[in-house]
Amino acid sequence: MLKNIFEDIRKKGSFSFEKIIENHTMNDDEFFEFLKFVHLENIPEVRTSTDGSDFIVLEDENIFIEEKDTIKLYLENIKEKYEELEKKSENEKEKEELIDKYLKIAVKESLLYSKYGFSFLDTVQEATLGIMSGLKYYNEIMKITKEPEFFVKNFAVKYILEFQKELLKDIKSSELSYILYLKVKVDKSMGFSMDEISKQMNVSTEYIEQLEKLFDEVEPEELIGNSQILEKADKITQMYILENIPKKLNYLDEQILVMTYGLDDKVYTEKEIAKSLNISSHNVNILKEKALNKLSIDLMRNEFVENSEDADYTIN
């Protein structure tokens, strides 16, 4: 299997983790060999997921408040650990830095791969398991490179994508079709044609037209308990692939959270973030809160907000 994968990647000159995990099942040993191959042959990765967009606007930003508060507390704890570490002796720092470094990697990759339909906190848990698995190869990695982060980080990615792939099997096709419809709206707003969207998503234009016909005239609150619409969605939904699921966050969202909570090299002040991202200082906290709101959205958990009279979100 690996030989065929390697030959295919050599021909293409690049690879996508999402496509690899979608189409192949690898144990950790096989995945380590795969990482050795792309690292030693210096083959670039192409991330194919659609970036998040503000196509879901929360009318009530407290709808997922419990999830948001938990995420915020989790990230604040990481930030506090970094600040406490700065006050410790060099010996204490050395022992704790390694653990904190890889915890941050798990959280950062979870941000980058956070998608509609999957809980961020569940994703972090899977990423952490991936980090632990990757560290088992630490001695072998150090024989190849003195920069082990590439290997360890991508074990987190493997576990995240395998978690998402497995969960997709249990998600109702009606729910998947709605998220697919949202992705079509994002791509259209970015100026892509119907043909371009269908080719990129590996679905027919007729299928996209069916989705639009089904959902365009339906307000989100009408989906609550509407068995007729959900049954129609079940019938038209096709095979779902990981890269078709839109990410919750866009690049600016990701960078603000990474810099605010010290998920890279340090914790940045609002002034430093504003300067680095070329935005005004007073917008940093506003954008951070909006990013946390998006991160807390969990469409699948709420099953189209079924049985929840107070849940409000609209499609831009």
C-alpha atoms as a PDB file:
ATOM      1  CA  MET A   1       0.000   0.000   0.000  1.00  0.00           C
ATOM      2  CA  LEU A   2       2.690   2.519   1.000  1.00  0.00           C
ATOM      3  CA  LYS A   3       4.641   1.906  -2.215  1.00  0.00           C
ATOM      4  CA  ASN A   4       1.591   2.846  -4.297  1.00  0.00           C
ATOM      5  CA  ILE A   5       0.927   5.930  -2.169  1.00  0.00           C
ATOM      6  CA  PHE A   6       4.551   7.074  -2.536  1.00  0.00           C
ATOM      7  CA  GLU A   7       4.496   6.604  -6.321  1.00  0.00           C
ATOM      8  CA  ASP A   8       1.259   8.550  -6.632  1.00  0.00           C
ATOM      9  CA  ILE A   9       2.581  11.444  -4.523  1.00  0.00           C
ATOM     10  CA  ARG A  10       5.829  11.583  -6.520  1.00  0.00           C
ATOM     11  CA  LYS A  11       3.788  11.954  -9.721  1.00  0.00           C
ATOM     12  CA  LYS A  12       1.614  14.726  -8.261  1.00  0.00           C
ATOM     13  CA  GLY A  13       4.495  16.530  -6.545  1.00  0.00           C
ATOM     14  CA  SER A  14       2.394  17.306  -3.461  1.00  0.00           C
ATOM     15  CA  PHE A  15      -0.009  15.657  -1.020  1.00  0.00           C
ATOM     16  CA  SER A  16      -3.006  16.414   1.181  1.00  0.00           C
ATOM     17  CA  PHE A  17      -3.352  14.797   4.605  1.00  0.00           C
ATOM     18  CA  GLU A  18      -7.121  14.942   4.229  1.00  0.00           C
ATOM     19  CA  LYS A  19      -7.033  12.983   0.976  1.00  0.00           C
ATOM     20  CA  ILE A  20      -4.507  10.480   2.387  1.00  0.00           C
ATOM     21  CA  ILE A  21      -6.555   9.770   5.525  1.00  0.00           C
ATOM     22  CA  GLU A  22      -9.808   9.763   3.560  1.00  0.00           C
ATOM     23  CA  ASN A  23      -8.603   7.147   1.096  1.00  0.00           C
ATOM     24  CA  HIS A  24      -6.291   4.970   3.208  1.00  0.00           C
ATOM     25  CA  THR A  25      -6.166   3.383   6.646  1.00  0.00           C
ATOM     26  CA  MET A  26      -2.697   3.372   8.208  1.00  0.00           C
ATOM     27  CA  ASN A  27      -1.515   2.166  11.582  1.00  0.00           C
ATOM     28  CA  ASP A  28       0.991   4.357  13.442  1.00  0.00           C
ATOM     29  CA  ASP A  29       4.051   2.488  12.099  1.00  0.00           C
ATOM     30  CA  GLU A  30       2.861   2.922   8.517  1.00  0.00           C
ATOM     31  CA  PHE A  31       2.082   6.567   9.113  1.00  0.00           C
ATOM     32  CA  PHE A  32       5.574   7.125  10.535  1.00  0.00           C
ATOM     33  CA  GLU A  33       7.036   5.642   7.348  1.00  0.00           C
ATOM     34  CA  PHE A  34       4.767   7.916   5.332  1.00  0.00           C
ATOM     35  CA  LEU A  35       6.001  10.982   7.264  1.00  0.00           C
ATOM     36  CA  LYS A  36       9.616   9.893   6.756  1.00  0.00           C
ATOM     37  CA  PHE A  37       8.965   9.689   3.018  1.00  0.00           C
ATOM     38  CA  VAL A  38       7.418  13.172   2.605  1.00  0.00           C
ATOM     39  CA  HIS A  39      10.000  14.704   4.958  1.00  0.00           C
ATOM     40  CA  LEU A  40      13.103  13.184   3.362  1.00  0.00           C
ATOM     41  CA  GLU A  41      11.858  13.855  -0.178  1.00  0.00           C
ATOM     42  CA  ASN A  42      10.760  17.374   0.820  1.00  0.00           C
ATOM     43  CA  ILE A  43       7.274  16.992  -0.691  1.00  0.00           C
ATOM     44  CA  PRO A  44       4.949  19.936   0.029  1.00  0.00           C
ATOM     45  CA  GLU A  45       1.594  19.530   1.724  1.00  0.00           C
ATOM     46  CA  VAL A  46      -1.489  21.170   0.234  1.00  0.00           C
ATOM     47  CA  ARG A  47      -4.350  21.872   2.621  1.00  0.00           C
ATOM     48  CA  THR A  48      -7.580  21.627   0.671  1.00  0.00           C
ATOM     49  CA  SER A  49     -10.281  22.484   3.237  1.00  0.00           C
ATOM     50  CA  THR A  50     -12.401  25.562   2.649  1.00  0.00           C
ATOM     51  CA  ASP A  51     -11.564  28.337   5.104  1.00  0.00           C
ATOM     52  CA  GLY A  52     -14.277  29.396   7.494  1.00  0.00           C
ATOM     53  CA  SER A  53     -16.461  32.338   6.564  1.00  0.00           C
ATOM     54  CA  ASP A  54     -19.105  34.317   8.379  1.00  0.00           C
ATOM     55  CA  PHE A  55     -21.878  32.482   6.557  1.00  0.00           C
ATOM     56  CA  ILE A  56     -23.414  31.443   9.859  1.00  0.00           C
ATOM     57  CA  VAL A  57     -24.366  34.476  11.940  1.00  0.00           C
ATOM     58  CA  LEU A  58     -25.385  33.771  15.497  1.00  0.00           C
ATOM     59  CA  GLU A  59     -28.404  35.908  16.315  1.00  0.00           C
ATOM     60  CA  ASP A  60     -28.102  34.803  19.919  1.00  0.00           C
ATOM     61  CA  GLU A  61     -24.391  34.606  20.695  1.00  0.00           C
ATOM     62  CA  ASN A  62     -25.167  32.780  23.937  1.00  0.00           C
ATOM     63  CA  ILE A  63     -26.615  29.777  22.097  1.00  0.00           C
ATOM     64  CA  PHE A  64     -23.392  27.787  22.575  1.00  0.00           C
ATOM     65  CA  ILE A  65     -22.266  29.719  25.678  1.00  0.00           C
ATOM     66  CA  GLU A  66     -21.414  26.614  27.732  1.00  0.00           C
ATOM     67  CA  GLU A  67     -19.153  25.248  25.000  1.00  0.00           C
ATOM     68  CA  LYS A  68     -17.588  28.683  24.452  1.00  0.00           C
ATOM     69  CA  ASP A  69     -16.883  29.201  28.175  1.00  0.00           C
ATOM     70  CA  THR A  70     -15.231  25.773  28.395  1.00  0.00           C
ATOM     71  CA  ILE A  71     -13.060  26.482  25.335  1.00  0.00           C
ATOM     72  CA  LYS A  72     -12.119  29.921  26.661  1.00  0.00           C
ATOM     73  CA  LEU A  73     -11.164  28.512  30.070  1.00  0.00           C
ATOM     74  CA  TYR A  74      -9.080  25.802  28.395  1.00  0.00           C
ATOM     75  CA  LEU A  75      -7.182  28.354  26.293  1.00  0.00           C
ATOM     76  CA  GLU A  76      -6.752  30.745  29.235  1.00  0.00           C
ATOM     77  CA  ASN A  77      -5.149  27.904  31.220  1.00  0.00           C
ATOM     78  CA  ILE A  78      -2.591  27.395  28.451  1.00  0.00           C
ATOM     79  CA  LYS A  79      -1.845  31.120  28.439  1.00  0.00           C
ATOM     80  CA  GLU A  80      -1.394  31.137  32.234  1.00  0.00           C
ATOM     81  CA  LYS A  81       0.979  28.158  32.048  1.00  0.00           C
ATOM     82  CA  TYR A  82       3.158  30.065  29.598  1.00  0.00           C
ATOM     83  CA  GLU A  83       3.222  33.156  31.842  1.00  0.00           C
ATOM     84  CA  GLU A  84       4.045  31.054  34.927  1.00  0.00           C
ATOM     85  CA  LEU A  85       6.806  29.249  33.029  1.00  0.00           C
ATOM     86  CA  GLU A  86       8.539  32.545  32.289  1.00  0.00           C
ATOM     87  CA  LYS A  87       9.059  33.048  36.048  1.00  0.00           C
ATOM     88  CA  LYS A  88      10.647  29.634  36.715  1.00  0.00           C
ATOM     89  CA  SER A  89      14.296  28.582  36.840  1.00  0.00           C
ATOM     90  CA  GLU A  90      16.018  27.211  33.742  1.00  0.00           C
ATOM     91  CA  ASN A  91      15.938  23.607  35.056  1.00  0.00           C
ATOM     92  CA  GLU A  92      12.227  23.793  35.837  1.00  0.00           C
ATOM     93  CA  LYS A  93      11.578  25.429  32.483  1.00  0.00           C
ATOM     94  CA  GLU A  94      13.371  22.711  30.539  1.00  0.00           C
ATOM     95  CA  LYS A  95      11.284  19.950  32.104  1.00  0.00           C
ATOM     96  CA  GLU A  96       7.952  21.650  31.569  1.00  0.00           C
ATOM     97  CA  GLU A  97       8.588  23.321  28.224  1.00  0.00           C
ATOM     98  CA  LEU A  98       8.583  20.030  26.312  1.00  0.00           C
ATOM     99  CA  ILE A  99       5.187  19.019  27.707  1.00  0.00           C
ATOM    100  CA  ASP A 100       3.697  22.492  27.160  1.00  0.00           C
ATOM    101  CA  LYS A 101       5.167  22.722  23.666  1.00  0.00           C
ATOM    102  CA  TYR A 102       3.411  19.599  22.459  1.00  0.00           C
ATOM    103  CA  LEU A 103       0.160  20.462  24.248  1.00  0.00           C
ATOM    104  CA  LYS A 104       0.175  23.747  22.331  1.00  0.00           C
ATOM    105  CA  ILE A 105       0.792  21.885  19.082  1.00  0.00           C
ATOM    106  CA  ALA A 106      -2.270  19.708  19.752  1.00  0.00           C
ATOM    107  CA  VAL A 107      -4.424  22.782  20.418  1.00  0.00           C
ATOM    108  CA  LYS A 108      -3.079  24.737  17.435  1.00  0.00           C
ATOM    109  CA  GLU A 109      -3.677  21.871  14.982  1.00  0.00           C
ATOM    110  CA  SER A 110      -7.164  21.445  16.438  1.00  0.00           C
ATOM    111  CA  LEU A 111      -7.830  25.105  15.643  1.00  0.00           C
ATOM    112  CA  LEU A 112      -6.549  24.686  12.088  1.00  0.00           C
ATOM    113  CA  TYR A 113      -8.664  21.566  11.510  1.00  0.00           C
ATOM    114  CA  SER A 114     -11.748  22.674  13.458  1.00  0.00           C
ATOM    115  CA  LYS A 115     -14.743  22.067  11.187  1.00  0.00           C
ATOM    116  CA  TYR A 116     -18.490  22.442  11.309  1.00  0.00           C
ATOM    117  CA  GLY A 117     -20.028  19.302  12.734  1.00  0.00           C
ATOM    118  CA  PHE A 118     -17.224  18.476  15.173  1.00  0.00           C
ATOM    119  CA  SER A 119     -16.687  19.632  18.746  1.00  0.00           C
ATOM    120  CA  PHE A 120     -13.440  21.572  19.185  1.00  0.00           C
ATOM    121  CA  LEU A 121     -12.807  20.050  22.616  1.00  0.00           C
ATOM    122  CA  ASP A 122     -13.266  16.510  21.284  1.00  0.00           C
ATOM    123  CA  THR A 123     -10.848  17.397  18.486  1.00  0.00           C
ATOM    124  CA  VAL A 124      -8.230  18.594  21.012  1.00  0.00           C
ATOM    125  CA  GLN A 125      -8.575  15.314  22.897  1.00  0.00           C
ATOM    126  CA  GLU A 126      -7.899  13.314  19.732  1.00  0.00           C
ATOM    127  CA  ALA A 127      -4.980  15.577  18.798  1.00  0.00           C
ATOM    128  CA  THR A 128      -3.451  15.029  22.238  1.00  0.00           C
ATOM    129  CA  LEU A 129      -3.663  11.253  21.771  1.00  0.00           C
ATOM    130  CA  GLY A 130      -1.927  11.737  18.440  1.00  0.00           C
ATOM    131  CA  ILE A 131       0.867  13.727  20.074  1.00  0.00           C
ATOM    132  CA  MET A 132       1.374  10.950  22.633  1.00  0.00           C
ATOM    133  CA  SER A 133       1.569   8.368  19.830  1.00  0.00           C
ATOM    134  CA  GLY A 134       4.022  10.498  17.879  1.00  0.00           C
ATOM    135  CA  LEU A 135       6.313  10.917  20.884  1.00  0.00           C
ATOM    136  CA  LYS A 136       6.747   7.128  21.008  1.00  0.00           C
ATOM    137  CA  TYR A 137       8.884   7.536  17.869  1.00  0.00           C
ATOM    138  CA  TYR A 138      10.937  10.360  19.392  1.00  0.00           C
ATOM    139  CA  ASN A 139      14.283   8.517  19.385  1.00  0.00           C
ATOM    140  CA  GLU A 140      13.819   7.381  15.788  1.00  0.00           C
ATOM    141  CA  ILE A 141      12.760  10.875  14.748  1.00  0.00           C
ATOM    142  CA  MET A 142      15.885  12.414  16.295  1.00  0.00           C
ATOM    143  CA  LYS A 143      18.046  10.154  14.089  1.00  0.00           C
ATOM    144  CA  ILE A 144      16.395  11.765  11.047  1.00  0.00           C
ATOM    145  CA  THR A 145      16.130  15.397  12.146  1.00  0.00           C
ATOM    146  CA  LYS A 146      16.863  17.632  15.108  1.00  0.00           C
ATOM    147  CA  GLU A 147      13.482  19.313  14.548  1.00  0.00           C
ATOM    148  CA  PRO A 148      10.925  16.661  15.613  1.00  0.00           C
ATOM    149  CA  GLU A 149       7.927  19.000  15.472  1.00  0.00           C
ATOM    150  CA  PHE A 150       6.995  18.030  11.886  1.00  0.00           C
ATOM    151  CA  PHE A 151       6.557  14.390  12.872  1.00  0.00           C
ATOM    152  CA  VAL A 152       4.848  14.927  16.210  1.00  0.00           C
ATOM    153  CA  LYS A 153       2.523  17.641  14.847  1.00  0.00           C
ATOM    154  CA  ASN A 154       1.355  15.457  11.996  1.00  0.00           C
ATOM    155  CA  PHE A 155       0.523  12.566  14.297  1.00  0.00           C
ATOM    156  CA  ALA A 156      -1.932  15.020  15.868  1.00  0.00           C
ATOM    157  CA  VAL A 157      -3.301  15.732  12.384  1.00  0.00           C
ATOM    158  CA  LYS A 158      -3.657  11.981  11.675  1.00  0.00           C
ATOM    159  CA  TYR A 159      -5.684  11.409  14.832  1.00  0.00           C
ATOM    160  CA  ILE A 160      -7.882  14.473  14.200  1.00  0.00           C
ATOM    161  CA  LEU A 161      -8.715  13.403  10.643  1.00  0.00           C
ATOM    162  CA  GLU A 162      -9.288   9.762  11.592  1.00  0.00           C
ATOM    163  CA  PHE A 163     -11.640  10.934  14.345  1.00  0.00           C
ATOM    164  CA  GLN A 164     -13.572  13.089  11.865  1.00  0.00           C
ATOM    165  CA  LYS A 165     -13.630  10.336   9.259  1.00  0.00           C
ATOM    166  CA  GLU A 166     -14.996   7.800  11.746  1.00  0.00           C
ATOM    167  CA  LEU A 167     -17.590  10.216  13.106  1.00  0.00           C
ATOM    168  CA  LEU A 168     -18.882  10.948   9.613  1.00  0.00           C
ATOM    169  CA  LYS A 169     -20.094   7.343   9.391  1.00  0.00           C
ATOM    170  CA  ASP A 170     -22.523   7.952  12.257  1.00  0.00           C
ATOM    171  CA  ILE A 171     -23.780  11.398  11.285  1.00  0.00           C
ATOM    172  CA  LYS A 172     -27.179  11.624   9.621  1.00  0.00           C
ATOM    173  CA  SER A 173     -26.940  12.271   5.897  1.00  0.00           C
ATOM    174  CA  SER A 174     -29.537  15.032   6.261  1.00  0.00           C
ATOM    175  CA  GLU A 175     -27.187  16.916   8.582  1.00  0.00           C
ATOM    176  CA  LEU A 176     -24.268  16.401   6.226  1.00  0.00           C
ATOM    177  CA  SER A 177     -26.250  17.686   3.270  1.00  0.00           C
ATOM    178  CA  TYR A 178     -27.015  20.909   5.132  1.00  0.00           C
ATOM    179  CA  ILE A 179     -23.340  21.514   5.878  1.00  0.00           C
ATOM    180  CA  LEU A 180     -22.532  20.737   2.251  1.00  0.00           C
ATOM    181  CA  TYR A 181     -25.120  23.344   1.239  1.00  0.00           C
ATOM    182  CA  LEU A 182     -23.364  25.868   3.496  1.00  0.00           C
ATOM    183  CA  LYS A 183     -20.066  25.121   1.780  1.00  0.00           C
ATOM    184  CA  VAL A 184     -21.625  25.756  -1.626  1.00  0.00           C
ATOM    185  CA  LYS A 185     -22.771  29.168  -0.384  1.00  0.00           C
ATOM    186  CA  VAL A 186     -19.255  29.969   0.832  1.00  0.00           C
ATOM    187  CA  ASP A 187     -17.689  28.990  -2.497  1.00  0.00           C
ATOM    188  CA  LYS A 188     -20.269  30.968  -4.467  1.00  0.00           C
ATOM    189  CA  SER A 189     -19.657  34.053  -2.327  1.00  0.00           C
ATOM    190  CA  MET A 190     -15.963  33.725  -3.198  1.00  0.00           C
ATOM    191  CA  GLY A 191     -16.810  33.919  -6.906  1.00  0.00           C
ATOM    192  CA  PHE A 192     -16.459  30.255  -7.903  1.00  0.00           C
ATOM    193  CA  SER A 193     -18.680  28.978 -10.707  1.00  0.00           C
ATOM    194  CA  MET A 194     -20.992  25.979 -10.366  1.00  0.00           C
ATOM    195  CA  ASP A 195     -18.635  23.883 -12.509  1.00  0.00           C
ATOM    196  CA  GLU A 196     -15.616  24.852 -10.388  1.00  0.00           C
ATOM    197  CA  ILE A 197     -17.465  24.026  -7.158  1.00  0.00           C
ATOM    198  CA  SER A 198     -18.705  20.640  -8.405  1.00  0.00           C
ATOM    199  CA  LYS A 199     -15.240  19.679  -9.621  1.00  0.00           C
ATOM    200  CA  GLN A 200     -13.546  20.720  -6.379  1.00  0.00           C
ATOM    201  CA  MET A 201     -16.145  18.918  -4.244  1.00  0.00           C
ATOM    202  CA  ASN A 202     -16.304  15.867  -6.509  1.00  0.00           C
ATOM    203  CA  VAL A 203     -20.090  16.055  -6.854  1.00  0.00           C
ATOM    204  CA  SER A 204     -22.318  16.760  -9.852  1.00  0.00           C
ATOM    205  CA  THR A 205     -23.759  20.191 -10.626  1.00  0.00           C
ATOM    206  CA  GLU A 206     -27.186  18.545 -10.564  1.00  0.00           C
ATOM    207  CA  TYR A 207     -26.596  17.495  -6.961  1.00  0.00           C
ATOM    208  CA  ILE A 208     -25.638  21.053  -5.988  1.00  0.00           C
ATOM    209  CA  GLU A 209     -28.793  22.357  -7.684  1.00  0.00           C
ATOM    210  CA  GLN A 210     -30.855  19.840  -5.686  1.00  0.00           C
ATOM    211  CA  LEU A 211     -29.286  21.051  -2.448  1.00  0.00           C
ATOM    212  CA  GLU A 212     -29.985  24.671  -3.283  1.00  0.00           C
ATOM    213  CA  LYS A 213     -33.546  23.913  -4.320  1.00  0.00           C
ATOM    214  CA  LEU A 214     -34.113  22.105  -1.017  1.00  0.00           C
ATOM    215  CA  PHE A 215     -32.542  24.641   1.363  1.00  0.00           C
ATOM    216  CA  ASP A 216     -32.568  28.062  -0.354  1.00  0.00           C
ATOM    217  CA  GLU A 217     -36.136  28.899   0.569  1.00  0.00           C
ATOM    218  CA  VAL A 218     -35.985  27.358   4.041  1.00  0.00           C
ATOM    219  CA  GLU A 219     -35.250  29.482   7.092  1.00  0.00           C
ATOM    220  CA  PRO A 220     -33.004  27.706   9.653  1.00  0.00           C
ATOM    221  CA  GLU A 221     -35.774  27.716  12.268  1.00  0.00           C
ATOM    222  CA  GLU A 222     -38.021  25.866   9.794  1.00  0.00           C
ATOM    223  CA  LEU A 223     -35.626  22.926   9.940  1.00  0.00           C
ATOM    224  CA  ILE A 224     -36.519  22.279  13.558  1.00  0.00           C
ATOM    225  CA  GLY A 225     -38.368  19.005  13.610  1.00  0.00           C
ATOM    226  CA  ASN A 226     -39.268  19.289   9.914  1.00  0.00           C
ATOM    227  CA  SER A 227     -39.172  15.612   9.016  1.00  0.00           C
ATOM    228  CA  GLN A 228     -40.286  16.218   5.416  1.00  0.00           C
ATOM    229  CA  ILE A 229     -37.249  18.366   4.599  1.00  0.00           C
ATOM    230  CA  LEU A 230     -34.865  16.059   6.440  1.00  0.00           C
ATOM    231  CA  GLU A 231     -36.202  13.003   4.622  1.00  0.00           C
ATOM    232  CA  LYS A 232     -35.650  14.720   1.271  1.00  0.00           C
ATOM    233  CA  ALA A 233     -32.126  15.641   2.350  1.00  0.00           C
ATOM    234  CA  ASP A 234     -31.479  12.013   3.321  1.00  0.00           C
ATOM    235  CA  LYS A 235     -32.469  10.846  -0.144  1.00  0.00           C
ATOM    236  CA  ILE A 236     -30.241  13.201  -2.130  1.00  0.00           C
ATOM    237  CA  THR A 237     -27.116  13.137   0.038  1.00  0.00           C
ATOM    238  CA  GLN A 238     -24.125  11.474  -1.582  1.00  0.00           C
ATOM    239  CA  MET A 239     -20.841  10.147  -0.242  1.00  0.00           C
ATOM    240  CA  TYR A 240     -19.258  12.748   2.010  1.00  0.00           C
ATOM    241  CA  ILE A 241     -15.542  13.513   2.052  1.00  0.00           C
ATOM    242  CA  LEU A 242     -13.512  15.299   4.700  1.00  0.00           C
ATOM    243  CA  GLU A 243     -12.196  18.164   2.590  1.00  0.00           C
ATOM    244  CA  ASN A 244     -15.748  19.233   1.685  1.00  0.00           C
ATOM    245  CA  ILE A 245     -16.527  20.176   5.284  1.00  0.00           C
ATOM    246  CA  PRO A 246     -15.897  23.908   5.802  1.00  0.00           C
ATOM    247  CA  LYS A 247     -13.556  24.992   8.559  1.00  0.00           C
ATOM    248  CA  LYS A 248     -15.014  27.051  11.389  1.00  0.00           C
ATOM    249  CA  LEU A 249     -12.249  29.643  11.332  1.00  0.00           C
ATOM    250  CA  ASN A 250     -10.595  31.781   8.687  1.00  0.00           C
ATOM    251  CA  TYR A 251      -6.912  32.728   8.677  1.00  0.00           C
ATOM    252  CA  LEU A 252      -7.423  35.897  10.737  1.00  0.00           C
ATOM    253  CA  ASP A 253      -9.462  34.000  13.365  1.00  0.00           C
ATOM    254  CA  GLU A 254      -6.736  31.369  13.653  1.00  0.00           C
ATOM    255  CA  GLN A 255      -3.900  33.880  13.993  1.00  0.00           C
ATOM    256  CA  ILE A 256      -5.686  35.959  16.642  1.00  0.00           C
ATOM    257  CA  LEU A 257      -6.331  32.891  18.816  1.00  0.00           C
ATOM    258  CA  VAL A 258      -2.837  31.450  18.291  1.00  0.00           C
ATOM    259  CA  MET A 259      -1.186  34.766  19.252  1.00  0.00           C
ATOM    260  CA  THR A 260      -3.584  35.608  22.111  1.00  0.00           C
ATOM    261  CA  TYR A 261      -3.136  32.277  23.861  1.00  0.00           C
ATOM    262  CA  GLY A 262       0.550  31.701  23.100  1.00  0.00           C
ATOM    263  CA  LEU A 263       0.116  28.633  20.899  1.00  0.00           C
ATOM    264  CA  ASP A 264       3.271  29.422  18.920  1.00  0.00           C
ATOM    265  CA  ASP A 265       6.303  31.132  20.390  1.00  0.00           C
ATOM    266  CA  LYS A 266       4.801  33.474  23.002  1.00  0.00           C
ATOM    267  CA  VAL A 267       1.719  35.274  24.303  1.00  0.00           C
ATOM    268  CA  TYR A 268       1.218  38.498  22.330  1.00  0.00           C
ATOM    269  CA  THR A 269      -0.373  41.708  23.605  1.00  0.00           C
ATOM    270  CA  GLU A 270      -3.352  43.210  21.788  1.00  0.00           C
ATOM    271  CA  LYS A 271      -1.064  45.959  20.455  1.00  0.00           C
ATOM    272  CA  GLU A 272       1.416  43.408  19.074  1.00  0.00           C
ATOM    273  CA  ILE A 273      -1.397  41.376  17.481  1.00  0.00           C
ATOM    274  CA  ALA A 274      -2.865  44.470  15.869  1.00  0.00           C
ATOM    275  CA  LYS A 275       0.497  45.477  14.413  1.00  0.00           C
ATOM    276  CA  SER A 276       1.308  41.970  13.153  1.00  0.00           C
ATOM    277  CA  LEU A 277      -2.107  41.421  11.514  1.00  0.00           C
ATOM    278  CA  ASN A 278      -2.560  45.016  10.354  1.00  0.00           C
ATOM    279  CA  ILE A 279      -5.810  45.588  12.226  1.00  0.00           C
ATOM    280  CA  SER A 280      -6.823  48.236  14.775  1.00  0.00           C
ATOM    281  CA  SER A 281      -6.102  47.491  18.454  1.00  0.00           C
ATOM    282  CA  HIS A 282      -9.696  47.987  19.577  1.00  0.00           C
ATOM    283  CA  ASN A 283     -10.819  45.267  17.129  1.00  0.00           C
ATOM    284  CA  VAL A 284      -8.530  42.550  18.479  1.00  0.00           C
ATOM    285  CA  ASN A 285     -10.726  41.576  21.441  1.00  0.00           C
ATOM    286  CA  ILE A 286     -13.919  41.843  19.360  1.00  0.00           C
ATOM    287  CA  LEU A 287     -12.486  39.536  16.691  1.00  0.00           C
ATOM    288  CA  LYS A 288     -11.170  37.141  19.341  1.00  0.00           C
ATOM    289  CA  GLU A 289     -14.656  36.797  20.862  1.00  0.00           C
ATOM    290  CA  LYS A 290     -16.175  36.260  17.410  1.00  0.00           C
ATOM    291  CA  ALA A 291     -13.589  33.561  16.689  1.00  0.00           C
ATOM    292  CA  LEU A 292     -14.449  31.827  19.986  1.00  0.00           C
ATOM    293  CA  ASN A 293     -18.142  32.025  19.081  1.00  0.00           C
ATOM    294  CA  LYS A 294     -17.465  30.299  15.756  1.00  0.00           C
ATOM    295  CA  LEU A 295     -15.281  27.699  17.446  1.00  0.00           C
ATOM    296  CA  SER A 296     -18.089  26.810  19.849  1.00  0.00           C
ATOM    297  CA  ILE A 297     -20.705  26.173  17.118  1.00  0.00           C
ATOM    298  CA  ASP A 298     -21.663  22.513  17.179  1.00  0.00           C
ATOM    299  CA  LEU A 299     -24.320  21.891  14.522  1.00  0.00           C
ATOM    300  CA  MET A 300     -24.263  18.112  14.835  1.00  0.00           C
ATOM    301  CA  ARG A 301     -24.694  18.081  18.586  1.00  0.00           C
ATOM    302  CA  ASN A 302     -27.864  20.129  18.185  1.00  0.00           C
ATOM    303  CA  GLU A 303     -29.185  18.126  15.228  1.00  0.00           C
ATOM    304  CA  PHE A 304     -30.367  21.194  13.297  1.00  0.00           C
ATOM    305  CA  VAL A 305     -31.198  22.701  16.694  1.00  0.00           C
ATOM    306  CA  GLU A 306     -34.052  20.195  16.910  1.00  0.00           C
ATOM    307  CA  ASN A 307     -36.118  20.446  20.099  1.00  0.00           C
ATOM    308  CA  SER A 308     -34.524  23.794  20.951  1.00  0.00           C
ATOM    309  CA  GLU A 309     -36.979  26.650  20.604  1.00  0.00           C
ATOM    310  CA  ASP A 310     -34.428  29.290  21.604  1.00  0.00           C
ATOM    311  CA  ALA A 311     -31.639  28.384  19.198  1.00  0.00           C
ATOM    312  CA  ASP A 312     -31.152  31.059  16.537  1.00  0.00           C
ATOM    313  CA  TYR A 313     -28.624  31.268  13.758  1.00  0.00           C
ATOM    314  CA  THR A 314     -29.011  32.468  10.187  1.00  0.00           C
ATOM    315  CA  ILE A 315     -27.194  31.942   6.940  1.00  0.00           C
ATOM    316  CA  ASN A 316     -25.496  34.941   5.338  1.00  0.00           C
END
